[in-house]
Protein backbone atom coordinates (compact mmCIF):
# COMPACT_ATOMS: atom_id res chain seq x y z
CA UNK A 1 -58.80 4.07 38.95
CA UNK A 2 -59.71 1.29 36.43
CA UNK A 3 -59.04 3.79 33.44
CA UNK A 4 -55.48 4.27 34.27
CA UNK A 5 -54.88 0.68 33.52
CA UNK A 6 -51.97 0.68 36.21
CA UNK A 7 -51.94 -2.69 37.97
CA UNK A 8 -51.78 -1.18 41.51
CA UNK A 9 -54.73 1.23 40.61
CA UNK A 10 -56.68 -1.71 39.32
CA UNK A 11 -56.13 -3.58 42.84
CA UNK A 12 -57.19 -0.42 44.55
CA UNK A 13 -60.31 -0.12 42.28
CA UNK A 14 -61.28 -3.57 43.45
CA UNK A 15 -60.92 -2.48 47.09
CA UNK A 16 -63.21 0.55 46.40
CA UNK A 17 -65.82 -1.52 44.60
CA UNK A 18 -65.97 -3.56 47.68
CA UNK A 19 -66.40 -0.59 49.95
CA UNK A 20 -69.27 0.58 47.86
CA UNK A 21 -70.73 -2.97 48.11
CA UNK A 22 -70.66 -2.77 51.91
CA UNK A 23 -72.10 0.66 52.03
CA UNK A 24 -74.82 -0.25 49.52
CA UNK A 25 -75.95 -3.13 51.56
CA UNK A 26 -75.92 -1.01 54.74
CA UNK A 27 -78.11 1.80 53.22
CA UNK A 28 -80.51 -0.94 51.72
CA UNK A 29 -79.75 -0.53 48.06
CA UNK A 30 -79.70 -4.22 47.64
CA UNK A 31 -79.54 -7.56 49.62
CA UNK A 32 -75.99 -8.75 50.70
CA UNK A 33 -76.54 -12.21 49.05
CA UNK A 34 -78.46 -11.05 46.03
CA UNK A 35 -77.66 -10.99 42.14
CA UNK A 36 -76.41 -7.23 42.64
CA UNK A 37 -73.59 -8.41 44.95
CA UNK A 38 -72.84 -11.25 42.64
CA UNK A 39 -72.66 -8.97 39.74
CA UNK A 40 -69.94 -6.68 41.68
CA UNK A 41 -68.06 -9.91 42.55
CA UNK A 42 -67.75 -10.82 38.80
CA UNK A 43 -66.72 -7.26 37.90
CA UNK A 44 -63.96 -7.18 40.35
CA UNK A 45 -62.67 -10.47 39.20
CA UNK A 46 -62.58 -9.18 35.64
CA UNK A 47 -60.54 -6.26 36.75
CA UNK A 48 -58.10 -8.37 38.63
CA UNK A 49 -57.57 -10.52 35.37
CA UNK A 50 -56.04 -7.37 33.68
CA UNK A 51 -53.12 -7.53 36.43
CA UNK A 52 -50.25 -9.99 35.38
CA UNK A 53 -50.38 -13.08 37.58
CA UNK A 54 -46.90 -12.47 39.13
CA UNK A 55 -47.59 -8.91 40.05
CA UNK A 56 -51.16 -9.84 41.42
CA UNK A 57 -49.33 -12.36 43.84
CA UNK A 58 -46.93 -9.61 44.92
CA UNK A 59 -49.81 -7.29 45.66
CA UNK A 60 -51.79 -9.95 47.47
CA UNK A 61 -48.73 -10.62 49.65
CA UNK A 62 -47.86 -6.95 50.35
CA UNK A 63 -51.61 -6.24 51.23
CA UNK A 64 -51.75 -8.95 54.07
CA UNK A 65 -51.45 -7.69 57.66
CA UNK A 66 -48.03 -7.29 58.97
CA UNK A 67 -48.92 -8.08 62.51
CA UNK A 68 -49.43 -11.79 63.53
CA UNK A 69 -52.97 -12.35 64.67
CA UNK A 70 -54.29 -9.37 62.61
CA UNK A 71 -57.14 -10.23 60.38
CA UNK A 72 -58.51 -8.38 57.12
CA UNK A 73 -60.74 -9.72 54.56
CA UNK A 74 -58.95 -9.23 51.22
CA UNK A 75 -61.25 -11.43 49.15
CA UNK A 76 -61.38 -8.46 46.60
CA UNK A 77 -57.87 -9.25 45.64
CA UNK A 78 -58.44 -12.99 44.99
CA UNK A 79 -60.27 -13.98 41.68
CA UNK A 80 -60.97 -17.47 43.06
CA UNK A 81 -62.91 -16.04 46.16
CA UNK A 82 -64.73 -13.54 44.01
CA UNK A 83 -65.93 -16.20 41.37
CA UNK A 84 -66.90 -18.59 44.11
CA UNK A 85 -69.06 -15.98 45.85
CA UNK A 86 -70.57 -14.68 42.79
CA UNK A 87 -71.62 -18.34 41.62
CA UNK A 88 -72.77 -19.15 44.96
CA UNK A 89 -75.10 -16.14 45.19
CA UNK A 90 -76.28 -16.24 41.53
CA UNK A 91 -75.47 -19.42 39.93
CA UNK A 92 -75.90 -19.02 36.18
CA UNK A 93 -74.15 -20.25 33.15
CA UNK A 94 -72.29 -17.16 32.30
CA UNK A 95 -70.85 -16.64 35.79
CA UNK A 96 -69.52 -20.26 35.78
CA UNK A 97 -68.23 -19.80 32.34
CA UNK A 98 -65.96 -16.76 33.51
CA UNK A 99 -64.90 -18.74 36.50
CA UNK A 100 -63.95 -21.77 34.52
CA UNK A 101 -62.08 -19.63 31.81
CA UNK A 102 -59.94 -18.20 34.57
CA UNK A 103 -59.47 -21.60 36.48
CA UNK A 104 -58.16 -23.25 33.36
CA UNK A 105 -55.39 -20.76 33.19
CA UNK A 106 -54.36 -21.48 36.64
CA UNK A 107 -54.14 -25.34 36.53
CA UNK A 108 -55.94 -28.39 35.13
CA UNK A 109 -56.91 -29.26 38.68
CA UNK A 110 -58.76 -25.95 39.29
CA UNK A 111 -60.39 -26.05 35.85
CA UNK A 112 -61.81 -29.54 36.70
CA UNK A 113 -62.91 -28.37 40.08
CA UNK A 114 -64.96 -25.49 38.70
CA UNK A 115 -66.34 -27.67 35.82
CA UNK A 116 -67.62 -30.38 38.39
CA UNK A 117 -69.26 -27.56 40.60
CA UNK A 118 -70.82 -26.10 37.30
CA UNK A 119 -72.25 -29.52 36.02
CA UNK A 120 -73.63 -30.24 39.50
CA UNK A 121 -75.55 -27.04 39.59
CA UNK A 122 -76.43 -26.72 35.84
CA UNK A 123 -76.58 -30.42 34.49
CA UNK A 124 -77.85 -29.27 31.05
CA UNK A 125 -75.07 -26.98 30.28
CA UNK A 126 -72.68 -28.44 27.55
CA UNK A 127 -69.55 -26.63 28.25
CA UNK A 128 -68.59 -28.25 31.68
CA UNK A 129 -69.47 -31.73 30.33
CA UNK A 130 -67.25 -31.39 27.33
CA UNK A 131 -64.46 -30.01 29.65
CA UNK A 132 -64.82 -33.06 32.09
CA UNK A 133 -65.02 -35.49 29.09
CA UNK A 134 -61.61 -34.23 27.91
CA UNK A 135 -60.02 -33.96 31.25
CA UNK A 136 -60.87 -37.65 32.16
CA UNK A 137 -59.64 -38.63 28.57
CA UNK A 138 -56.40 -37.10 29.11
CA UNK A 139 -55.96 -38.87 32.58
CA UNK A 140 -56.61 -42.06 30.71
CA UNK A 141 -59.95 -42.86 32.26
CA UNK A 142 -61.77 -43.52 28.99
CA UNK A 143 -64.60 -45.23 30.59
CA UNK A 144 -65.57 -42.22 32.50
CA UNK A 145 -64.97 -40.00 29.51
CA UNK A 146 -67.39 -42.10 27.61
CA UNK A 147 -70.08 -41.75 30.46
CA UNK A 148 -69.54 -37.78 30.07
CA UNK A 149 -69.89 -38.31 26.14
CA UNK A 150 -73.22 -40.20 26.64
CA UNK A 151 -74.51 -37.17 28.82
CA UNK A 152 -73.60 -34.68 26.20
CA UNK A 153 -75.19 -36.65 23.44
CA UNK A 154 -78.39 -36.64 25.33
CA UNK A 155 -78.41 -32.85 25.30
CA UNK A 156 -77.11 -32.24 21.74
CA UNK A 157 -75.96 -35.25 19.59
CA UNK A 158 -75.08 -33.08 16.51
CA UNK A 159 -72.75 -30.83 18.44
CA UNK A 160 -69.21 -30.91 16.43
CA UNK A 161 -67.42 -31.75 19.57
CA UNK A 162 -69.66 -34.36 20.60
CA UNK A 163 -69.66 -36.10 17.12
CA UNK A 164 -65.70 -36.02 16.86
CA UNK A 165 -65.40 -37.17 20.33
CA UNK A 166 -67.22 -40.78 20.06
CA UNK A 167 -64.64 -41.79 17.25
CA UNK A 168 -61.72 -40.49 19.22
CA UNK A 169 -62.76 -41.98 22.69
CA UNK A 170 -63.69 -45.38 21.10
CA UNK A 171 -60.20 -45.44 19.27
CA UNK A 172 -58.20 -44.37 22.45
CA UNK A 173 -60.18 -46.81 24.41
CA UNK A 174 -59.35 -49.67 21.98
CA UNK A 175 -55.61 -48.87 22.23
CA UNK A 176 -55.89 -48.90 25.93
CA UNK A 177 -57.41 -52.34 25.86
CA UNK A 178 -54.62 -53.63 23.36
CA UNK A 179 -52.00 -52.23 25.86
CA UNK A 180 -53.55 -54.34 28.62
CA UNK A 181 -54.11 -57.40 26.26
CA UNK A 182 -57.76 -57.29 26.59
CA UNK A 183 -58.37 -58.00 23.01
CA UNK A 184 -61.95 -58.97 23.44
CA UNK A 185 -62.80 -55.46 24.67
CA UNK A 186 -60.64 -53.95 21.80
CA UNK A 187 -62.72 -55.88 19.29
CA UNK A 188 -65.83 -54.38 20.86
CA UNK A 189 -64.57 -50.96 20.59
CA UNK A 190 -63.31 -51.52 17.05
CA UNK A 191 -66.83 -52.74 15.97
CA UNK A 192 -68.36 -49.71 17.53
CA UNK A 193 -66.00 -47.39 15.58
CA UNK A 194 -66.78 -49.15 12.27
CA UNK A 195 -70.46 -48.65 12.94
CA UNK A 196 -69.95 -44.77 13.03
CA UNK A 197 -70.85 -42.72 9.92
CA UNK A 198 -67.45 -41.04 10.03
CA UNK A 199 -65.81 -44.23 9.79
CA UNK A 200 -66.06 -44.30 6.03
CA UNK A 201 -64.86 -40.72 5.68
CA UNK A 202 -61.37 -39.72 4.41
CA UNK A 203 -58.58 -41.49 5.87
CA UNK A 204 -60.36 -43.00 8.93
CA UNK A 205 -60.68 -46.32 7.45
CA UNK A 206 -56.75 -46.47 7.53
CA UNK A 207 -56.61 -45.54 11.05
CA UNK A 208 -59.29 -48.18 11.79
CA UNK A 209 -57.16 -50.82 9.92
CA UNK A 210 -54.22 -49.80 11.86
CA UNK A 211 -55.73 -50.47 15.16
CA UNK A 212 -56.96 -53.86 13.89
CA UNK A 213 -53.30 -54.58 12.71
CA UNK A 214 -52.05 -53.89 16.07
CA UNK A 215 -54.69 -56.19 17.71
CA UNK A 216 -53.81 -59.01 15.23
CA UNK A 217 -50.14 -58.48 16.06
CA UNK A 218 -50.65 -58.80 19.67
CA UNK A 219 -53.08 -61.88 19.16
CA UNK A 220 -50.24 -63.58 17.03
CA UNK A 221 -52.45 -63.77 14.07
CA UNK A 222 -49.74 -63.01 11.38
CA UNK A 223 -51.97 -63.51 8.44
CA UNK A 224 -54.66 -61.00 9.55
CA UNK A 225 -51.98 -58.49 10.44
CA UNK A 226 -50.39 -58.80 6.94
CA UNK A 227 -53.83 -58.25 5.49
CA UNK A 228 -54.46 -55.20 7.47
CA UNK A 229 -50.97 -53.76 6.64
CA UNK A 230 -51.80 -54.13 2.93
CA UNK A 231 -55.01 -52.35 3.47
CA UNK A 232 -53.33 -49.43 5.12
CA UNK A 233 -50.78 -48.93 2.33
CA UNK A 234 -53.68 -49.15 -0.34
CA UNK A 235 -55.92 -46.62 1.50
CA UNK A 236 -53.00 -44.13 2.10
CA UNK A 237 -51.27 -44.82 -1.21
CA UNK A 238 -47.94 -44.88 0.54
CA UNK A 239 -45.82 -47.38 2.32
CA UNK A 240 -44.12 -44.65 4.46
CA UNK A 241 -47.26 -43.28 5.56
CA UNK A 242 -48.61 -46.80 6.49
CA UNK A 243 -45.33 -47.42 8.32
CA UNK A 244 -45.68 -43.94 10.36
CA UNK A 245 -49.36 -44.57 11.07
CA UNK A 246 -48.69 -48.17 12.50
CA UNK A 247 -45.72 -46.92 14.57
CA UNK A 248 -47.79 -44.03 15.94
CA UNK A 249 -50.77 -46.32 16.97
CA UNK A 250 -48.31 -48.85 18.48
CA UNK A 251 -46.63 -46.26 20.62
CA UNK A 252 -49.97 -44.98 21.80
CA UNK A 253 -50.89 -48.62 22.78
CA UNK A 254 -47.54 -49.16 24.51
CA UNK A 255 -46.45 -51.74 21.94
CA UNK A 256 -43.83 -49.87 20.04
CA UNK A 257 -41.66 -52.90 20.04
CA UNK A 258 -44.15 -54.83 17.58
CA UNK A 259 -43.42 -52.70 14.50
CA UNK A 260 -40.84 -50.07 13.73
CA UNK A 261 -40.22 -48.09 10.61
CA UNK A 262 -36.91 -49.29 8.94
CA UNK A 263 -33.79 -47.20 8.23
CA UNK A 264 -34.20 -44.30 5.78
CA UNK A 265 -31.49 -45.70 3.51
CA UNK A 266 -33.74 -48.71 2.65
CA UNK A 267 -36.37 -46.34 1.05
CA UNK A 268 -36.49 -45.90 -2.58
CA UNK A 269 -36.19 -42.44 -4.39
CA UNK A 270 -40.02 -42.21 -4.68
CA UNK A 271 -40.60 -43.01 -1.07
CA UNK A 272 -38.01 -40.42 0.01
CA UNK A 273 -39.53 -37.64 -2.28
CA UNK A 274 -43.04 -38.36 -0.81
CA UNK A 275 -41.88 -38.23 2.92
CA UNK A 276 -43.16 -34.63 3.55
CA UNK A 277 -46.54 -35.50 2.07
CA UNK A 278 -46.67 -38.83 4.00
CA UNK A 279 -45.89 -37.15 7.26
CA UNK A 280 -48.52 -34.38 6.78
CA UNK A 281 -51.14 -36.78 5.58
CA UNK A 282 -50.62 -39.10 8.57
CA UNK A 283 -50.37 -36.32 11.01
CA UNK A 284 -53.77 -34.88 9.85
CA UNK A 285 -55.22 -38.40 10.31
CA UNK A 286 -54.00 -38.97 13.89
CA UNK A 287 -54.32 -35.38 15.05
CA UNK A 288 -58.08 -35.82 15.81
CA UNK A 289 -57.17 -38.77 18.01
CA UNK A 290 -54.58 -36.63 19.90
CA UNK A 291 -51.82 -38.83 19.23
CA UNK A 292 -48.08 -37.71 18.65
CA UNK A 293 -46.66 -38.92 15.38
CA UNK A 294 -43.76 -41.39 15.94
CA UNK A 295 -41.15 -40.62 12.94
CA UNK A 296 -37.47 -41.88 12.97
CA UNK A 297 -34.85 -39.26 13.14
CA UNK A 298 -33.47 -40.20 9.68
CA UNK A 299 -36.88 -39.92 8.03
CA UNK A 300 -37.45 -36.44 9.57
CA UNK A 301 -33.93 -35.36 8.32
CA UNK A 302 -34.79 -36.66 4.62
CA UNK A 303 -38.13 -35.07 4.80
CA UNK A 304 -36.43 -31.68 5.37
CA UNK A 305 -34.23 -32.28 2.36
CA UNK A 306 -37.17 -33.17 0.09
CA UNK A 307 -39.43 -30.41 1.49
CA UNK A 308 -38.29 -27.54 -1.01
CA UNK A 309 -39.47 -29.72 -3.78
CA UNK A 310 -42.92 -30.61 -2.41
CA UNK A 311 -44.08 -27.57 -0.42
CA UNK A 312 -46.40 -26.27 -3.18
CA UNK A 313 -48.24 -29.54 -3.22
CA UNK A 314 -49.22 -29.32 0.44
CA UNK A 315 -52.13 -27.29 1.66
CA UNK A 316 -52.14 -25.11 4.62
CA UNK A 317 -53.53 -27.76 6.98
CA UNK A 318 -50.76 -30.14 5.87
CA UNK A 319 -48.11 -27.47 6.31
CA UNK A 320 -49.26 -26.79 9.92
CA UNK A 321 -49.34 -30.66 10.60
CA UNK A 322 -45.72 -30.98 9.19
CA UNK A 323 -44.42 -28.03 11.18
CA UNK A 324 -46.10 -29.74 14.37
CA UNK A 325 -44.61 -32.92 13.66
CA UNK A 326 -41.12 -31.50 13.16
CA UNK A 327 -41.16 -29.64 16.48
CA UNK A 328 -42.28 -32.72 18.13
CA UNK A 329 -39.35 -34.77 16.54
CA UNK A 330 -36.80 -31.82 17.45
CA UNK A 331 -36.18 -30.60 13.99
CA UNK A 332 -36.76 -26.79 14.12
CA UNK A 333 -35.42 -25.98 10.80
CA UNK A 334 -38.07 -28.02 8.91
CA UNK A 335 -40.80 -26.57 11.39
CA UNK A 336 -39.47 -23.06 10.48
CA UNK A 337 -39.55 -23.90 6.66
CA UNK A 338 -43.27 -25.23 6.89
CA UNK A 339 -44.24 -22.04 8.76
CA UNK A 340 -42.53 -19.95 6.16
CA UNK A 341 -44.50 -21.73 3.36
CA UNK A 342 -47.72 -21.27 5.51
CA UNK A 343 -47.27 -17.52 6.05
CA UNK A 344 -46.87 -17.07 2.19
CA UNK A 345 -50.30 -18.55 1.64
CA UNK A 346 -51.87 -15.59 3.87
CA UNK A 347 -55.53 -15.73 5.11
CA UNK A 348 -57.06 -16.74 8.39
CA UNK A 349 -54.18 -19.25 9.13
CA UNK A 350 -51.56 -16.53 9.62
CA UNK A 351 -51.90 -16.44 13.45
CA UNK A 352 -51.48 -20.17 13.73
CA UNK A 353 -48.19 -19.98 11.53
CA UNK A 354 -46.92 -17.05 13.58
CA UNK A 355 -47.20 -19.15 16.66
CA UNK A 356 -45.54 -22.12 14.83
CA UNK A 357 -42.60 -19.55 13.77
CA UNK A 358 -42.26 -18.60 17.42
CA UNK A 359 -42.02 -22.14 18.60
CA UNK A 360 -39.44 -23.06 15.83
CA UNK A 361 -37.03 -20.27 16.57
CA UNK A 362 -33.87 -20.99 18.54
CA UNK A 363 -33.87 -20.06 22.22
CA UNK A 364 -31.27 -17.47 21.76
CA UNK A 365 -33.83 -15.39 19.80
CA UNK A 366 -36.09 -14.75 22.98
CA UNK A 367 -37.36 -11.17 21.95
CA UNK A 368 -38.24 -12.46 18.42
CA UNK A 369 -40.01 -15.58 19.76
CA UNK A 370 -41.98 -13.32 22.11
CA UNK A 371 -42.94 -10.81 19.30
CA UNK A 372 -44.32 -13.73 17.14
CA UNK A 373 -46.33 -15.30 19.82
CA UNK A 374 -47.77 -11.82 20.89
CA UNK A 375 -48.64 -11.23 17.23
CA UNK A 376 -50.29 -14.75 17.07
CA UNK A 377 -52.35 -13.73 20.13
CA UNK A 378 -53.28 -10.47 18.35
CA UNK A 379 -54.40 -12.32 15.08
CA UNK A 380 -56.27 -14.86 17.37
CA UNK A 381 -58.37 -12.02 18.92
CA UNK A 382 -59.21 -10.95 15.40
CA UNK A 383 -60.30 -14.20 14.29
CA UNK A 384 -62.07 -15.00 17.72
CA UNK A 385 -59.87 -18.25 17.84
CA UNK A 386 -60.02 -19.05 21.48
CA UNK A 387 -57.87 -22.06 21.36
CA UNK A 388 -55.11 -20.20 19.47
CA UNK A 389 -55.33 -17.26 21.99
CA UNK A 390 -54.95 -19.66 24.92
CA UNK A 391 -51.89 -21.35 23.43
CA UNK A 392 -50.04 -18.05 22.39
CA UNK A 393 -50.60 -16.42 25.75
CA UNK A 394 -49.78 -19.54 27.67
CA UNK A 395 -46.55 -19.96 25.52
CA UNK A 396 -45.74 -16.18 26.23
CA UNK A 397 -45.87 -16.93 30.08
CA UNK A 398 -43.50 -19.82 29.61
CA UNK A 399 -40.91 -17.58 27.99
CA UNK A 400 -41.10 -15.21 31.00
CA UNK A 401 -43.25 -12.68 28.95
CA UNK A 402 -46.34 -13.09 30.98
CA UNK A 403 -49.03 -10.26 30.38
CA UNK A 404 -47.09 -9.18 27.20
CA UNK A 405 -49.28 -7.94 24.41
CA UNK A 406 -48.98 -5.85 21.18
CA UNK A 407 -51.22 -3.49 19.20
CA UNK A 408 -52.98 -4.50 15.95
CA UNK A 409 -50.61 -2.45 13.96
CA UNK A 410 -47.62 -3.87 15.77
CA UNK A 411 -49.01 -7.29 14.97
CA UNK A 412 -49.17 -6.50 11.09
CA UNK A 413 -45.59 -5.25 11.38
CA UNK A 414 -44.41 -8.61 12.79
CA UNK A 415 -46.25 -10.44 10.08
CA UNK A 416 -44.75 -8.48 7.44
CA UNK A 417 -41.26 -8.90 8.70
CA UNK A 418 -41.74 -12.79 9.37
CA UNK A 419 -42.82 -13.18 5.81
CA UNK A 420 -39.82 -11.44 4.49
CA UNK A 421 -37.64 -13.88 6.52
CA UNK A 422 -37.95 -17.35 4.98
CA UNK A 423 -34.61 -18.58 5.91
CA UNK A 424 -33.78 -20.15 9.36
CA UNK A 425 -31.65 -17.77 11.58
CA UNK A 426 -28.11 -18.37 12.13
CA UNK A 427 -25.34 -16.49 13.83
CA UNK A 428 -24.61 -14.39 10.83
CA UNK A 429 -28.48 -14.13 9.81
CA UNK A 430 -30.42 -13.31 12.66
CA UNK A 431 -33.63 -11.97 11.18
CA UNK A 432 -35.88 -9.31 12.22
CA UNK A 433 -35.32 -7.14 15.28
CA UNK A 434 -38.29 -6.18 17.29
CA UNK A 435 -36.59 -3.95 20.09
CA UNK A 436 -38.80 -1.04 18.94
CA UNK A 437 -41.84 -3.14 19.65
CA UNK A 438 -40.86 -4.45 22.90
CA UNK A 439 -39.35 -1.16 24.36
CA UNK A 440 -40.88 -0.04 27.71
CA UNK A 441 -43.46 -2.85 27.56
CA UNK A 442 -41.46 -5.40 29.70
CA UNK A 443 -41.15 -5.63 33.48
CA UNK A 444 -37.19 -5.05 34.13
CA UNK A 445 -37.09 -6.55 37.55
CA UNK A 446 -34.30 -9.15 37.88
CA UNK A 447 -36.80 -12.03 38.26
CA UNK A 448 -38.62 -11.29 35.11
CA UNK A 449 -35.43 -10.61 33.13
CA UNK A 450 -34.04 -13.92 34.44
CA UNK A 451 -37.13 -15.79 33.39
CA UNK A 452 -36.72 -14.23 29.85
CA UNK A 453 -33.10 -15.64 29.66
CA UNK A 454 -31.63 -12.13 29.87
CA UNK A 455 -28.15 -11.87 31.44
CA UNK A 456 -27.80 -9.69 34.75
CA UNK A 457 -24.84 -7.66 35.68
CA UNK A 458 -22.80 -9.33 38.52
CA UNK A 459 -23.38 -6.36 40.93
CA UNK A 460 -27.23 -5.97 40.00
CA UNK A 461 -29.29 -6.10 43.13
CA UNK A 462 -31.77 -8.89 43.43
CA UNK A 463 -34.02 -8.87 46.60
CA UNK A 464 -36.13 -11.60 47.98
CA UNK A 465 -39.62 -10.01 48.58
CA UNK A 466 -40.09 -12.10 51.73
CA UNK A 467 -37.01 -10.76 53.21
CA UNK A 468 -37.12 -7.34 51.64
CA UNK A 469 -37.81 -5.17 54.82
CA UNK A 470 -34.68 -6.63 56.51
CA UNK A 471 -32.60 -5.49 53.51
CA UNK A 472 -33.26 -1.89 54.29
CA UNK A 473 -32.26 0.20 57.39
CA UNK A 474 -35.25 2.13 58.66
CA UNK A 475 -34.35 5.41 60.73
CA UNK A 476 -35.66 4.65 64.32
CA UNK A 477 -37.68 8.13 64.34
CA UNK A 478 -39.49 7.38 61.10
CA UNK A 479 -43.28 6.79 61.62
CA UNK A 480 -44.21 3.03 60.76
CA UNK A 481 -46.71 4.25 58.11
CA UNK A 482 -43.88 6.28 56.26
CA UNK A 483 -41.51 3.34 56.62
CA UNK A 484 -44.03 0.99 54.96
CA UNK A 485 -44.64 3.31 52.00
CA UNK A 486 -40.83 3.78 51.58
CA UNK A 487 -40.39 -0.05 51.67
CA UNK A 488 -43.03 -0.43 49.08
CA UNK A 489 -41.76 2.36 46.73
CA UNK A 490 -38.35 0.92 46.99
CA UNK A 491 -39.43 -2.64 46.06
CA UNK A 492 -41.37 -1.19 43.14
CA UNK A 493 -38.20 0.63 42.03
CA UNK A 494 -36.19 -2.68 42.07
CA UNK A 495 -38.97 -4.36 40.26
CA UNK A 496 -38.90 -1.81 37.41
CA UNK A 497 -35.13 -1.66 37.21
CA UNK A 498 -35.02 2.19 38.22
CA UNK A 499 -31.74 3.97 39.02
CA UNK A 500 -31.32 5.73 42.22
CA UNK A 501 -31.90 9.19 40.53
CA UNK A 502 -35.30 8.00 38.81
CA UNK A 503 -36.42 6.54 42.17
CA UNK A 504 -35.71 9.93 44.23
CA UNK A 505 -37.40 11.86 41.27
CA UNK A 506 -40.41 9.62 41.42
CA UNK A 507 -40.97 9.74 45.31
CA UNK A 508 -40.31 13.40 45.56
CA UNK A 509 -42.42 14.53 42.73
CA UNK A 510 -39.74 15.28 40.00
CA UNK A 511 -36.39 16.80 39.71
CA UNK A 512 -35.85 20.66 40.76
CA UNK A 513 -37.48 22.82 38.13
CA UNK A 514 -39.05 19.92 36.36
CA UNK A 515 -42.75 19.14 35.69
CA UNK A 516 -44.42 16.61 37.99
CA UNK A 517 -45.69 13.60 36.01
CA UNK A 518 -49.54 13.73 35.82
CA UNK A 519 -51.94 10.87 36.17
CA UNK A 520 -49.68 9.14 38.66
CA UNK A 521 -50.27 8.66 42.50
CA UNK A 522 -47.30 9.47 44.57
C-alpha cells in the first residue's frame, strides 16, 4: 500500500500497521508500551507526512464514525497523536526531532509546545534550546531568549548559532530598551556588545555606532549623536548606507521620527550611482540582526535605474540581499533583475535565486511562480539546505500548490529556462511556459483551483464536504455500506475534476471492451 504512493493507500497502510501492532502485542511479540511500538508510531507518522495536508484532513473527517456516540480510535490517521505516543514510550532525540520538524510546519505554537516538552526530557539537547531562544526572541521576550542562550552556551559555546545569537540578542535588547527610554539598560547592552570578539569584524562597528547614535538622539546629546553619525559614514564609506542603517535601527526601536533619509533629488550623482551597493551592504549588515531595511521609495526607484551599471560589482550575497530588500519595499522589477544577475553566476546559490525569482514574479503568473518555487525546493534537497527547503515548500502552500513537487530533470529544465529570461514579464512578454511540467500533477478540485487563483466556470459544481451527502439522492433500497462507498467515490470525482463518463468508467472498472486500470483499488 505504501509503494503505490496514493494518498488513500498511504492512509490505509497506517491502519494496517496499527492492526499489526495490536496483534503483535496480543501474541507477545513485544510489549504494548515499549520501543517497538514507538518505532511503529514513528513510521506511521512518516507515512502520513507524504499525504498533502488538506487531503489528510479530508481523510480524517471521512473516517470519523457517522453515528453520534460511536467511538473509534483513529490515532493512526493523526501525526500529532503518533508522535506524542512515540516520544512518551521511547523519548530520545531523534524521535523528538521528527516530531518538532512536523510541528513547526503546522504552527509556531505547536513547534514551541514540542520544543518545551523535548527540552524538559532531554535538557542537554541543543536543538530545542535554540528553537525556544529564537521563538522567544521573535515574540520580543529578549530577557527570556538570553536565558536560553546562556543554557546553550553551557552546552556548546562555539556552536555557530550560539556565537551569532549573543551579538543579535544584545543588539535587539538594546533597541528594545531605547524604545522604552531605558537608556541605562541600553548602555549596558551596548557595552556587552562592544566586548564581544565579533564586534570588531566587518561592518559590525557601524551597527554598534548606529545603536549608540539612536541612544544619544533619544537622550538629547546632539554632539555625541553627530560624532556617531560621522563614524558610521566613515566605516561604511557612504552617506546613503549610513542613512539607511540609521533609519533601519530607528524603525526597529520604534523611533522612526528621529531620523529619516531625505528625498532622492537631494542626492548627488555619485551617491545615486552607489545606491544599489549601499542597499546591499547595509542589508547584509542588518540581516544577522533580523531587521528589515527601511528605504524610501524614491531611493529604491533610483536604485533600480542604477542597477544595470553596478550589477557586476556585487557578489551573490549582495545580489540576494538587494533582491530581498526590493521585495520588502514593493519593487518586484528590481528584485527580478537582481535574481537574474544571481542566476547568471551559477553555483550552489541557484536554488535561493530561483525562490527569489518566484517571489518577484507578478501574481498573474501563478504557474510560473509555482514551477520556480518547486525547482528551488528540488535544488535545496540537493544542497541539503533545510532552511531554503522549508521556505520554498511553505511558499508553494501559500500559492495553493501544497504538496506539489518536480523531478531533478524538471528542476534543471526550469533553471535553464529562467536563466534565458532575464527581462521582467509583461503582457506581451510572458516568459517561460511550464504547462508541460505542471500537467497531471495538480489537484483539480474547485477549492484547490480557487486557491491557485484559477477561474472557475459559472456552472462548475462546488460541494461543501460537510453537507456533501445531502447533495445526493440515495435510493431507499440501497444498502448503507454501498451508499457510503458511492458518496466517497463521488466526492473524489469532484475533487479530481472528473467528467461523468470518467467517473462511471472508474467505478465500473472501465468502458466496455476497454482494459481495466491495473494497480488501482475499486
